[in-house]
Amino acid sequence: MNDIHSEYEIREKIIRTTTDNGSNFIKAFRVFGEDENNVNAEEVTDEDPTHDDQDEEVEFIDIGSIMTEDDGLQYQLPKHHRCACHLLNLVSTVDANNANKVEAYKKLSRSAFSKCQALWNKTAKSTTAAGVVEEHCKLQLIQPNATRWNSFYLAVERILRILKVQGEGAVRAVCAALDVPMYSPADIAFLGEYANTMGPVAKAINILQEESNIQMGWLLPTISALVSKLDKTRALLKFCKPLIDALQEGLKKRFGEMMSDPELVAAAILHPKFKKSWTADEGVLKLDISGTV
């Protein structure tokens, strides 16, 4: 990265560099980033005040090795920005799993999702099974993919669409033909609430991962709208309130600092689509570029 910045003479033009949340990227920018003074905090230790230097033997050091040693000062990376889409993906997967700490939610989610998984497994392994689904439901199931964001939500949404359009009879016929458990009314109600809860998260990810017509100014308004939507959705839920709580906590943990970042606030305010409409927090709106009110 340092060589590319130098070769194309863009070092002074780059404000931030966005990467995913891989530990290798995080450490690279922590060690070589402009705000860290090239010091690895994990390697800094306080001296023991009781240590007696007079008792320590003298150690001779090769001066030549010091002169050629790489102290990291020749590298200077821009400010690091973690990919918002990747952060939202972590919120919707890792953080959402914290909802399972509530026993009632855990029991319902395992019941409903295990039946979904049974259908997905059958149709993924057998073209005959896929044909049965096509015959009764007029649609194919979507297979979740661990490497594709939103895929689990979209797969659940497809099952709900089939239930709505073709009716429970079509799904019951498929389950009977493939010898998998049928959904109970509680399962269907849970899946409906799950889709309503995760829909705004999926939409936010889709907005932020657009390849065109997307700027940094979209970030804070999108996250603010997501938080607001989840707050409003919570009052309408019966089964998935623990999921809302887990998502809200994840958003606070992963985006909390960004929501008060003066540069990101300025980017949102300067965007003609949003200006100051995206937040009612006067403290945030008054943040200047130095981060003071």
C-alpha atoms as a PDB file:
ATOM      1  CA  MET A   1       0.000   0.000   0.000  1.00  0.00           C
ATOM      2  CA  ASN A   2       2.819   2.388   0.870  1.00  0.00           C
ATOM      3  CA  ASP A   3       4.535   1.710  -2.474  1.00  0.00           C
ATOM      4  CA  ILE A   4       1.285   2.269  -4.416  1.00  0.00           C
ATOM      5  CA  HIS A   5       0.661   5.582  -2.667  1.00  0.00           C
ATOM      6  CA  SER A   6       4.169   6.707  -3.532  1.00  0.00           C
ATOM      7  CA  GLU A   7       4.154   5.433  -7.121  1.00  0.00           C
ATOM      8  CA  TYR A   8       0.944   7.259  -8.043  1.00  0.00           C
ATOM      9  CA  GLU A   9       1.743  10.293  -5.879  1.00  0.00           C
ATOM     10  CA  ILE A  10      -1.562  10.109  -4.021  1.00  0.00           C
ATOM     11  CA  ARG A  11      -0.294   9.967  -0.444  1.00  0.00           C
ATOM     12  CA  GLU A  12      -1.511  13.494   0.363  1.00  0.00           C
ATOM     13  CA  LYS A  13      -4.856  12.947  -1.379  1.00  0.00           C
ATOM     14  CA  ILE A  14      -5.972   9.928   0.656  1.00  0.00           C
ATOM     15  CA  ILE A  15      -8.046  10.781   3.738  1.00  0.00           C
ATOM     16  CA  ARG A  16      -8.882   7.249   4.850  1.00  0.00           C
ATOM     17  CA  THR A  17      -8.356   3.688   3.739  1.00  0.00           C
ATOM     18  CA  THR A  18     -11.268   1.270   4.084  1.00  0.00           C
ATOM     19  CA  THR A  19     -10.686  -2.444   4.680  1.00  0.00           C
ATOM     20  CA  ASP A  20     -12.601  -5.321   6.190  1.00  0.00           C
ATOM     21  CA  ASN A  21     -12.189  -6.224   9.857  1.00  0.00           C
ATOM     22  CA  GLY A  22      -9.474  -8.825   9.414  1.00  0.00           C
ATOM     23  CA  SER A  23      -6.981  -8.855  12.291  1.00  0.00           C
ATOM     24  CA  ASN A  24      -4.099  -8.436   9.832  1.00  0.00           C
ATOM     25  CA  PHE A  25      -5.503  -5.135   8.528  1.00  0.00           C
ATOM     26  CA  ILE A  26      -6.385  -3.882  11.989  1.00  0.00           C
ATOM     27  CA  LYS A  27      -2.885  -4.526  13.320  1.00  0.00           C
ATOM     28  CA  ALA A  28      -1.193  -3.078  10.228  1.00  0.00           C
ATOM     29  CA  PHE A  29      -3.018   0.221  10.624  1.00  0.00           C
ATOM     30  CA  ARG A  30      -2.567   0.202  14.383  1.00  0.00           C
ATOM     31  CA  VAL A  31       1.188  -0.157  14.016  1.00  0.00           C
ATOM     32  CA  PHE A  32       1.774   1.960  10.915  1.00  0.00           C
ATOM     33  CA  GLY A  33      -1.225   4.301  10.959  1.00  0.00           C
ATOM     34  CA  GLU A  34      -0.693   8.032  11.203  1.00  0.00           C
ATOM     35  CA  ASP A  35      -2.524   8.321  14.518  1.00  0.00           C
ATOM     36  CA  GLU A  36      -0.630   5.623  16.325  1.00  0.00           C
ATOM     37  CA  ASN A  37       2.909   7.013  16.024  1.00  0.00           C
ATOM     38  CA  ASN A  38       4.005   3.593  14.784  1.00  0.00           C
ATOM     39  CA  VAL A  39       3.905   2.107  18.278  1.00  0.00           C
ATOM     40  CA  ASN A  40       2.283  -1.240  18.912  1.00  0.00           C
ATOM     41  CA  ALA A  41       0.405  -0.840  22.174  1.00  0.00           C
ATOM     42  CA  GLU A  42       0.586  -4.570  22.831  1.00  0.00           C
ATOM     43  CA  GLU A  43       4.362  -4.446  22.831  1.00  0.00           C
ATOM     44  CA  VAL A  44       4.714  -1.494  25.214  1.00  0.00           C
ATOM     45  CA  THR A  45       5.355  -2.463  28.826  1.00  0.00           C
ATOM     46  CA  ASP A  46       5.938  -0.318  31.901  1.00  0.00           C
ATOM     47  CA  GLU A  47       9.258  -0.561  33.603  1.00  0.00           C
ATOM     48  CA  ASP A  48       9.319  -2.275  36.978  1.00  0.00           C
ATOM     49  CA  PRO A  49      10.102   0.468  39.534  1.00  0.00           C
ATOM     50  CA  THR A  50      11.743  -2.089  41.820  1.00  0.00           C
ATOM     51  CA  HIS A  51      14.154  -3.235  39.113  1.00  0.00           C
ATOM     52  CA  ASP A  52      17.822  -2.576  39.928  1.00  0.00           C
ATOM     53  CA  ASP A  53      19.786  -1.716  36.797  1.00  0.00           C
ATOM     54  CA  GLN A  54      23.100  -2.207  38.619  1.00  0.00           C
ATOM     55  CA  ASP A  55      22.491  -5.937  38.963  1.00  0.00           C
ATOM     56  CA  GLU A  56      21.938  -6.445  35.238  1.00  0.00           C
ATOM     57  CA  GLU A  57      24.810  -7.614  33.086  1.00  0.00           C
ATOM     58  CA  VAL A  58      26.017  -5.404  30.258  1.00  0.00           C
ATOM     59  CA  GLU A  59      24.819  -6.587  26.863  1.00  0.00           C
ATOM     60  CA  PHE A  60      26.888  -5.781  23.770  1.00  0.00           C
ATOM     61  CA  ILE A  61      24.856  -4.909  20.657  1.00  0.00           C
ATOM     62  CA  ASP A  62      25.927  -4.968  17.022  1.00  0.00           C
ATOM     63  CA  ILE A  63      25.664  -1.362  15.809  1.00  0.00           C
ATOM     64  CA  GLY A  64      25.322  -2.532  12.212  1.00  0.00           C
ATOM     65  CA  SER A  65      22.159  -4.479  13.020  1.00  0.00           C
ATOM     66  CA  ILE A  66      20.601  -1.395  14.634  1.00  0.00           C
ATOM     67  CA  MET A  67      21.321   0.732  11.569  1.00  0.00           C
ATOM     68  CA  THR A  68      19.608  -1.767   9.268  1.00  0.00           C
ATOM     69  CA  GLU A  69      16.773  -2.690  11.627  1.00  0.00           C
ATOM     70  CA  ASP A  70      13.243  -1.987  10.365  1.00  0.00           C
ATOM     71  CA  ASP A  71      11.606   0.197  13.025  1.00  0.00           C
ATOM     72  CA  GLY A  72       8.472   0.739  10.933  1.00  0.00           C
ATOM     73  CA  LEU A  73       8.956   4.489  10.676  1.00  0.00           C
ATOM     74  CA  GLN A  74       9.433   4.357   6.911  1.00  0.00           C
ATOM     75  CA  TYR A  75       5.793   3.287   6.511  1.00  0.00           C
ATOM     76  CA  GLN A  76       2.990   5.772   7.015  1.00  0.00           C
ATOM     77  CA  LEU A  77      -0.520   4.528   6.310  1.00  0.00           C
ATOM     78  CA  PRO A  78      -3.581   6.808   6.206  1.00  0.00           C
ATOM     79  CA  LYS A  79      -6.312   6.780   8.812  1.00  0.00           C
ATOM     80  CA  HIS A  80      -8.084   3.427   8.926  1.00  0.00           C
ATOM     81  CA  HIS A  81     -11.821   3.014   8.362  1.00  0.00           C
ATOM     82  CA  ARG A  82     -13.466  -0.360   8.883  1.00  0.00           C
ATOM     83  CA  CYS A  83     -15.884  -1.475   6.173  1.00  0.00           C
ATOM     84  CA  ALA A  84     -19.416  -0.583   7.270  1.00  0.00           C
ATOM     85  CA  CYS A  85     -20.954  -3.440   5.257  1.00  0.00           C
ATOM     86  CA  HIS A  86     -18.676  -5.933   6.961  1.00  0.00           C
ATOM     87  CA  LEU A  87     -19.545  -4.425  10.342  1.00  0.00           C
ATOM     88  CA  LEU A  88     -23.272  -4.754   9.590  1.00  0.00           C
ATOM     89  CA  ASN A  89     -22.694  -8.334   8.534  1.00  0.00           C
ATOM     90  CA  LEU A  90     -21.066  -8.997  11.921  1.00  0.00           C
ATOM     91  CA  VAL A  91     -23.992  -7.301  13.664  1.00  0.00           C
ATOM     92  CA  SER A  92     -26.504  -9.497  11.814  1.00  0.00           C
ATOM     93  CA  THR A  93     -24.595 -12.727  12.497  1.00  0.00           C
ATOM     94  CA  VAL A  94     -22.229 -12.609  15.480  1.00  0.00           C
ATOM     95  CA  ASP A  95     -24.097 -10.018  17.534  1.00  0.00           C
ATOM     96  CA  ALA A  96     -27.543 -11.356  16.606  1.00  0.00           C
ATOM     97  CA  ASN A  97     -26.572 -14.715  18.128  1.00  0.00           C
ATOM     98  CA  ASN A  98     -26.568 -13.047  21.549  1.00  0.00           C
ATOM     99  CA  ALA A  99     -30.365 -13.144  21.376  1.00  0.00           C
ATOM    100  CA  ASN A 100     -30.066 -16.882  22.084  1.00  0.00           C
ATOM    101  CA  LYS A 101     -29.171 -16.006  25.659  1.00  0.00           C
ATOM    102  CA  VAL A 102     -32.927 -15.631  26.160  1.00  0.00           C
ATOM    103  CA  GLU A 103     -34.202 -19.184  26.502  1.00  0.00           C
ATOM    104  CA  ALA A 104     -37.642 -18.621  24.947  1.00  0.00           C
ATOM    105  CA  TYR A 105     -36.124 -17.000  21.857  1.00  0.00           C
ATOM    106  CA  LYS A 106     -33.485 -19.722  21.613  1.00  0.00           C
ATOM    107  CA  LYS A 107     -36.097 -22.489  21.692  1.00  0.00           C
ATOM    108  CA  LEU A 108     -38.257 -20.884  18.990  1.00  0.00           C
ATOM    109  CA  SER A 109     -35.356 -19.954  16.729  1.00  0.00           C
ATOM    110  CA  ARG A 110     -33.830 -23.418  16.853  1.00  0.00           C
ATOM    111  CA  SER A 111     -37.180 -25.026  16.063  1.00  0.00           C
ATOM    112  CA  ALA A 112     -37.926 -22.763  13.094  1.00  0.00           C
ATOM    113  CA  PHE A 113     -34.419 -22.552  11.656  1.00  0.00           C
ATOM    114  CA  SER A 114     -33.791 -26.306  11.951  1.00  0.00           C
ATOM    115  CA  LYS A 115     -36.851 -26.954   9.761  1.00  0.00           C
ATOM    116  CA  CYS A 116     -35.660 -24.370   7.253  1.00  0.00           C
ATOM    117  CA  GLN A 117     -32.221 -25.982   7.225  1.00  0.00           C
ATOM    118  CA  ALA A 118     -33.716 -29.411   6.624  1.00  0.00           C
ATOM    119  CA  LEU A 119     -35.470 -28.101   3.493  1.00  0.00           C
ATOM    120  CA  TRP A 120     -32.347 -26.305   2.278  1.00  0.00           C
ATOM    121  CA  ASN A 121     -30.212 -29.407   2.763  1.00  0.00           C
ATOM    122  CA  LYS A 122     -32.646 -31.649   0.865  1.00  0.00           C
ATOM    123  CA  THR A 123     -32.980 -29.355  -2.141  1.00  0.00           C
ATOM    124  CA  ALA A 124     -29.240 -28.601  -2.273  1.00  0.00           C
ATOM    125  CA  LYS A 125     -28.292 -32.288  -2.457  1.00  0.00           C
ATOM    126  CA  SER A 126     -31.004 -33.590  -4.771  1.00  0.00           C
ATOM    127  CA  THR A 127     -32.358 -32.319  -8.070  1.00  0.00           C
ATOM    128  CA  THR A 128     -35.420 -34.511  -7.477  1.00  0.00           C
ATOM    129  CA  ALA A 129     -36.112 -32.662  -4.219  1.00  0.00           C
ATOM    130  CA  ALA A 130     -35.659 -29.340  -5.983  1.00  0.00           C
ATOM    131  CA  GLY A 131     -38.175 -30.514  -8.577  1.00  0.00           C
ATOM    132  CA  VAL A 132     -40.700 -31.327  -5.852  1.00  0.00           C
ATOM    133  CA  VAL A 133     -40.383 -27.783  -4.503  1.00  0.00           C
ATOM    134  CA  GLU A 134     -40.779 -26.330  -8.002  1.00  0.00           C
ATOM    135  CA  GLU A 135     -43.868 -28.448  -8.644  1.00  0.00           C
ATOM    136  CA  HIS A 136     -45.734 -27.503  -5.469  1.00  0.00           C
ATOM    137  CA  CYS A 137     -44.435 -24.008  -4.776  1.00  0.00           C
ATOM    138  CA  LYS A 138     -43.772 -22.631  -8.279  1.00  0.00           C
ATOM    139  CA  LEU A 139     -40.532 -21.194  -6.860  1.00  0.00           C
ATOM    140  CA  GLN A 140     -37.163 -22.581  -5.871  1.00  0.00           C
ATOM    141  CA  LEU A 141     -35.701 -22.146  -2.416  1.00  0.00           C
ATOM    142  CA  ILE A 142     -32.721 -19.828  -1.920  1.00  0.00           C
ATOM    143  CA  GLN A 143     -29.704 -21.519  -0.390  1.00  0.00           C
ATOM    144  CA  PRO A 144     -27.906 -19.588   2.371  1.00  0.00           C
ATOM    145  CA  ASN A 145     -24.253 -18.929   1.649  1.00  0.00           C
ATOM    146  CA  ALA A 146     -21.832 -18.151   4.465  1.00  0.00           C
ATOM    147  CA  THR A 147     -19.745 -15.907   2.218  1.00  0.00           C
ATOM    148  CA  ARG A 148     -22.669 -13.918   0.823  1.00  0.00           C
ATOM    149  CA  TRP A 149     -24.163 -11.187   2.956  1.00  0.00           C
ATOM    150  CA  ASN A 150     -27.947 -11.232   3.428  1.00  0.00           C
ATOM    151  CA  SER A 151     -28.261 -14.758   2.054  1.00  0.00           C
ATOM    152  CA  PHE A 152     -29.782 -16.248   5.231  1.00  0.00           C
ATOM    153  CA  TYR A 153     -32.361 -13.469   5.461  1.00  0.00           C
ATOM    154  CA  LEU A 154     -33.208 -13.845   1.757  1.00  0.00           C
ATOM    155  CA  ALA A 155     -33.571 -17.620   2.165  1.00  0.00           C
ATOM    156  CA  VAL A 156     -36.024 -17.176   5.055  1.00  0.00           C
ATOM    157  CA  GLU A 157     -37.880 -14.489   3.119  1.00  0.00           C
ATOM    158  CA  ARG A 158     -38.330 -16.880   0.164  1.00  0.00           C
ATOM    159  CA  ILE A 159     -39.958 -19.494   2.427  1.00  0.00           C
ATOM    160  CA  LEU A 160     -42.317 -16.845   3.808  1.00  0.00           C
ATOM    161  CA  ARG A 161     -43.144 -15.725   0.266  1.00  0.00           C
ATOM    162  CA  ILE A 162     -44.067 -19.276  -0.684  1.00  0.00           C
ATOM    163  CA  LEU A 163     -46.232 -19.593   2.433  1.00  0.00           C
ATOM    164  CA  LYS A 164     -48.019 -16.350   1.584  1.00  0.00           C
ATOM    165  CA  VAL A 165     -48.534 -16.929  -2.147  1.00  0.00           C
ATOM    166  CA  GLN A 166     -49.011 -20.697  -2.347  1.00  0.00           C
ATOM    167  CA  GLY A 167     -50.346 -21.299   1.158  1.00  0.00           C
ATOM    168  CA  GLU A 168     -49.367 -23.680   3.922  1.00  0.00           C
ATOM    169  CA  GLY A 169     -50.774 -26.596   1.935  1.00  0.00           C
ATOM    170  CA  ALA A 170     -48.026 -26.337  -0.679  1.00  0.00           C
ATOM    171  CA  VAL A 171     -45.294 -26.251   1.969  1.00  0.00           C
ATOM    172  CA  ARG A 172     -46.937 -29.106   3.851  1.00  0.00           C
ATOM    173  CA  ALA A 173     -46.967 -31.197   0.661  1.00  0.00           C
ATOM    174  CA  VAL A 174     -43.267 -30.477   0.100  1.00  0.00           C
ATOM    175  CA  CYS A 175     -42.373 -31.378   3.692  1.00  0.00           C
ATOM    176  CA  ALA A 176     -44.313 -34.624   3.437  1.00  0.00           C
ATOM    177  CA  ALA A 177     -42.723 -35.552   0.116  1.00  0.00           C
ATOM    178  CA  LEU A 178     -39.199 -34.813   1.356  1.00  0.00           C
ATOM    179  CA  ASP A 179     -39.792 -36.321   4.799  1.00  0.00           C
ATOM    180  CA  VAL A 180     -38.875 -33.199   6.765  1.00  0.00           C
ATOM    181  CA  PRO A 181     -40.760 -31.705   9.755  1.00  0.00           C
ATOM    182  CA  MET A 182     -43.637 -29.352   8.970  1.00  0.00           C
ATOM    183  CA  TYR A 183     -43.648 -25.812  10.337  1.00  0.00           C
ATOM    184  CA  SER A 184     -45.880 -25.161  13.333  1.00  0.00           C
ATOM    185  CA  PRO A 185     -47.917 -21.935  13.616  1.00  0.00           C
ATOM    186  CA  ALA A 186     -45.369 -20.685  16.159  1.00  0.00           C
ATOM    187  CA  ASP A 187     -42.537 -21.391  13.696  1.00  0.00           C
ATOM    188  CA  ILE A 188     -44.266 -19.421  10.947  1.00  0.00           C
ATOM    189  CA  ALA A 189     -45.020 -16.520  13.286  1.00  0.00           C
ATOM    190  CA  PHE A 190     -41.404 -16.472  14.448  1.00  0.00           C
ATOM    191  CA  LEU A 191     -40.028 -16.499  10.894  1.00  0.00           C
ATOM    192  CA  GLY A 192     -42.335 -13.609  10.012  1.00  0.00           C
ATOM    193  CA  GLU A 193     -41.048 -11.535  12.921  1.00  0.00           C
ATOM    194  CA  TYR A 194     -37.461 -12.491  12.099  1.00  0.00           C
ATOM    195  CA  ALA A 195     -37.868 -11.260   8.522  1.00  0.00           C
ATOM    196  CA  ASN A 196     -39.491  -8.006   9.688  1.00  0.00           C
ATOM    197  CA  THR A 197     -36.625  -7.460  12.120  1.00  0.00           C
ATOM    198  CA  MET A 198     -33.761  -8.290   9.778  1.00  0.00           C
ATOM    199  CA  GLY A 199     -35.290  -6.580   6.732  1.00  0.00           C
ATOM    200  CA  PRO A 200     -34.017  -3.102   7.687  1.00  0.00           C
ATOM    201  CA  VAL A 201     -30.546  -4.524   8.358  1.00  0.00           C
ATOM    202  CA  ALA A 202     -30.485  -6.184   4.942  1.00  0.00           C
ATOM    203  CA  LYS A 203     -31.648  -2.948   3.308  1.00  0.00           C
ATOM    204  CA  ALA A 204     -28.920  -0.962   5.083  1.00  0.00           C
ATOM    205  CA  ILE A 205     -26.277  -3.405   3.873  1.00  0.00           C
ATOM    206  CA  ASN A 206     -27.610  -3.149   0.303  1.00  0.00           C
ATOM    207  CA  ILE A 207     -27.447   0.654   0.436  1.00  0.00           C
ATOM    208  CA  LEU A 208     -23.903   0.813   1.749  1.00  0.00           C
ATOM    209  CA  GLN A 209     -22.490  -1.832  -0.587  1.00  0.00           C
ATOM    210  CA  GLU A 210     -23.690  -0.076  -3.743  1.00  0.00           C
ATOM    211  CA  GLU A 211     -20.868   0.493  -6.215  1.00  0.00           C
ATOM    212  CA  SER A 212     -22.240   3.774  -7.581  1.00  0.00           C
ATOM    213  CA  ASN A 213     -24.041   6.817  -6.180  1.00  0.00           C
ATOM    214  CA  ILE A 214     -22.726   6.106  -2.705  1.00  0.00           C
ATOM    215  CA  GLN A 215     -20.497   8.412  -0.681  1.00  0.00           C
ATOM    216  CA  MET A 216     -19.226   8.578   2.894  1.00  0.00           C
ATOM    217  CA  GLY A 217     -22.095  10.946   3.648  1.00  0.00           C
ATOM    218  CA  TRP A 218     -24.531   8.016   3.432  1.00  0.00           C
ATOM    219  CA  LEU A 219     -22.993   6.142   6.369  1.00  0.00           C
ATOM    220  CA  LEU A 220     -24.333   7.930   9.454  1.00  0.00           C
ATOM    221  CA  PRO A 221     -27.820   8.645   8.025  1.00  0.00           C
ATOM    222  CA  THR A 222     -28.167   4.968   7.054  1.00  0.00           C
ATOM    223  CA  ILE A 223     -27.132   3.716  10.498  1.00  0.00           C
ATOM    224  CA  SER A 224     -29.334   6.315  12.227  1.00  0.00           C
ATOM    225  CA  ALA A 225     -32.328   5.270  10.129  1.00  0.00           C
ATOM    226  CA  LEU A 226     -31.631   1.605  10.924  1.00  0.00           C
ATOM    227  CA  VAL A 227     -31.518   2.269  14.683  1.00  0.00           C
ATOM    228  CA  SER A 228     -34.758   4.258  14.471  1.00  0.00           C
ATOM    229  CA  LYS A 229     -36.491   1.544  12.439  1.00  0.00           C
ATOM    230  CA  LEU A 230     -35.475  -1.161  14.912  1.00  0.00           C
ATOM    231  CA  ASP A 231     -36.810   0.942  17.795  1.00  0.00           C
ATOM    232  CA  LYS A 232     -40.192   1.269  16.080  1.00  0.00           C
ATOM    233  CA  THR A 233     -40.301  -2.423  15.121  1.00  0.00           C
ATOM    234  CA  ARG A 234     -39.661  -3.610  18.676  1.00  0.00           C
ATOM    235  CA  ALA A 235     -43.098  -2.514  19.922  1.00  0.00           C
ATOM    236  CA  LEU A 236     -44.798  -4.715  17.310  1.00  0.00           C
ATOM    237  CA  LEU A 237     -42.941  -7.918  18.147  1.00  0.00           C
ATOM    238  CA  LYS A 238     -43.896 -10.833  20.344  1.00  0.00           C
ATOM    239  CA  PHE A 239     -41.041 -13.301  19.830  1.00  0.00           C
ATOM    240  CA  CYS A 240     -38.067 -11.341  18.464  1.00  0.00           C
ATOM    241  CA  LYS A 241     -37.573  -8.569  21.018  1.00  0.00           C
ATOM    242  CA  PRO A 242     -34.346 -10.245  22.224  1.00  0.00           C
ATOM    243  CA  LEU A 243     -33.102 -10.115  18.618  1.00  0.00           C
ATOM    244  CA  ILE A 244     -33.820  -6.376  18.456  1.00  0.00           C
ATOM    245  CA  ASP A 245     -31.915  -5.867  21.708  1.00  0.00           C
ATOM    246  CA  ALA A 246     -28.940  -7.869  20.411  1.00  0.00           C
ATOM    247  CA  LEU A 247     -28.872  -5.922  17.136  1.00  0.00           C
ATOM    248  CA  GLN A 248     -29.087  -2.568  18.924  1.00  0.00           C
ATOM    249  CA  GLU A 249     -26.239  -3.522  21.228  1.00  0.00           C
ATOM    250  CA  GLY A 250     -24.153  -4.661  18.271  1.00  0.00           C
ATOM    251  CA  LEU A 251     -24.774  -1.407  16.397  1.00  0.00           C
ATOM    252  CA  LYS A 252     -23.798   0.602  19.447  1.00  0.00           C
ATOM    253  CA  LYS A 253     -20.620  -1.415  19.941  1.00  0.00           C
ATOM    254  CA  ARG A 254     -19.459  -1.347  16.311  1.00  0.00           C
ATOM    255  CA  PHE A 255     -20.715   2.078  15.168  1.00  0.00           C
ATOM    256  CA  GLY A 256     -20.815   4.055  18.417  1.00  0.00           C
ATOM    257  CA  GLU A 257     -17.561   5.930  17.820  1.00  0.00           C
ATOM    258  CA  MET A 258     -18.401   6.595  14.174  1.00  0.00           C
ATOM    259  CA  MET A 259     -21.666   8.312  15.134  1.00  0.00           C
ATOM    260  CA  SER A 260     -19.683  11.093  16.831  1.00  0.00           C
ATOM    261  CA  ASP A 261     -16.796  11.260  14.355  1.00  0.00           C
ATOM    262  CA  PRO A 262     -16.628  14.926  13.233  1.00  0.00           C
ATOM    263  CA  GLU A 263     -15.512  14.042   9.697  1.00  0.00           C
ATOM    264  CA  LEU A 264     -18.339  11.559   9.200  1.00  0.00           C
ATOM    265  CA  VAL A 265     -20.849  13.987  10.684  1.00  0.00           C
ATOM    266  CA  ALA A 266     -19.606  16.694   8.315  1.00  0.00           C
ATOM    267  CA  ALA A 267     -19.854  14.305   5.344  1.00  0.00           C
ATOM    268  CA  ALA A 268     -23.511  13.579   6.183  1.00  0.00           C
ATOM    269  CA  ILE A 269     -24.430  17.230   6.741  1.00  0.00           C
ATOM    270  CA  LEU A 270     -22.755  18.320   3.504  1.00  0.00           C
ATOM    271  CA  HIS A 271     -24.624  15.691   1.476  1.00  0.00           C
ATOM    272  CA  PRO A 272     -27.579  17.474  -0.203  1.00  0.00           C
ATOM    273  CA  LYS A 273     -29.863  14.465   0.308  1.00  0.00           C
ATOM    274  CA  PHE A 274     -29.514  14.500   4.099  1.00  0.00           C
ATOM    275  CA  LYS A 275     -28.138  17.821   5.437  1.00  0.00           C
ATOM    276  CA  LYS A 276     -29.354  17.866   9.057  1.00  0.00           C
ATOM    277  CA  SER A 277     -32.476  15.755   8.643  1.00  0.00           C
ATOM    278  CA  TRP A 278     -30.852  12.453   9.682  1.00  0.00           C
ATOM    279  CA  THR A 279     -30.482  13.237  13.398  1.00  0.00           C
ATOM    280  CA  ALA A 280     -32.192  15.333  16.047  1.00  0.00           C
ATOM    281  CA  ASP A 281     -29.137  15.276  18.328  1.00  0.00           C
ATOM    282  CA  GLU A 282     -27.968  18.909  18.452  1.00  0.00           C
ATOM    283  CA  GLY A 283     -24.737  17.847  20.121  1.00  0.00           C
ATOM    284  CA  VAL A 284     -23.820  15.747  17.100  1.00  0.00           C
ATOM    285  CA  LEU A 285     -24.840  18.440  14.620  1.00  0.00           C
ATOM    286  CA  LYS A 286     -22.640  21.008  16.361  1.00  0.00           C
ATOM    287  CA  LEU A 287     -19.510  18.885  16.207  1.00  0.00           C
ATOM    288  CA  ASP A 288     -16.783  20.695  14.310  1.00  0.00           C
ATOM    289  CA  ILE A 289     -13.900  19.094  12.461  1.00  0.00           C
ATOM    290  CA  SER A 290     -11.746  19.023  15.596  1.00  0.00           C
ATOM    291  CA  GLY A 291     -14.324  16.968  17.479  1.00  0.00           C
ATOM    292  CA  THR A 292     -15.314  19.656  19.988  1.00  0.00           C
ATOM    293  CA  VAL A 293     -18.722  21.240  20.471  1.00  0.00           C
END
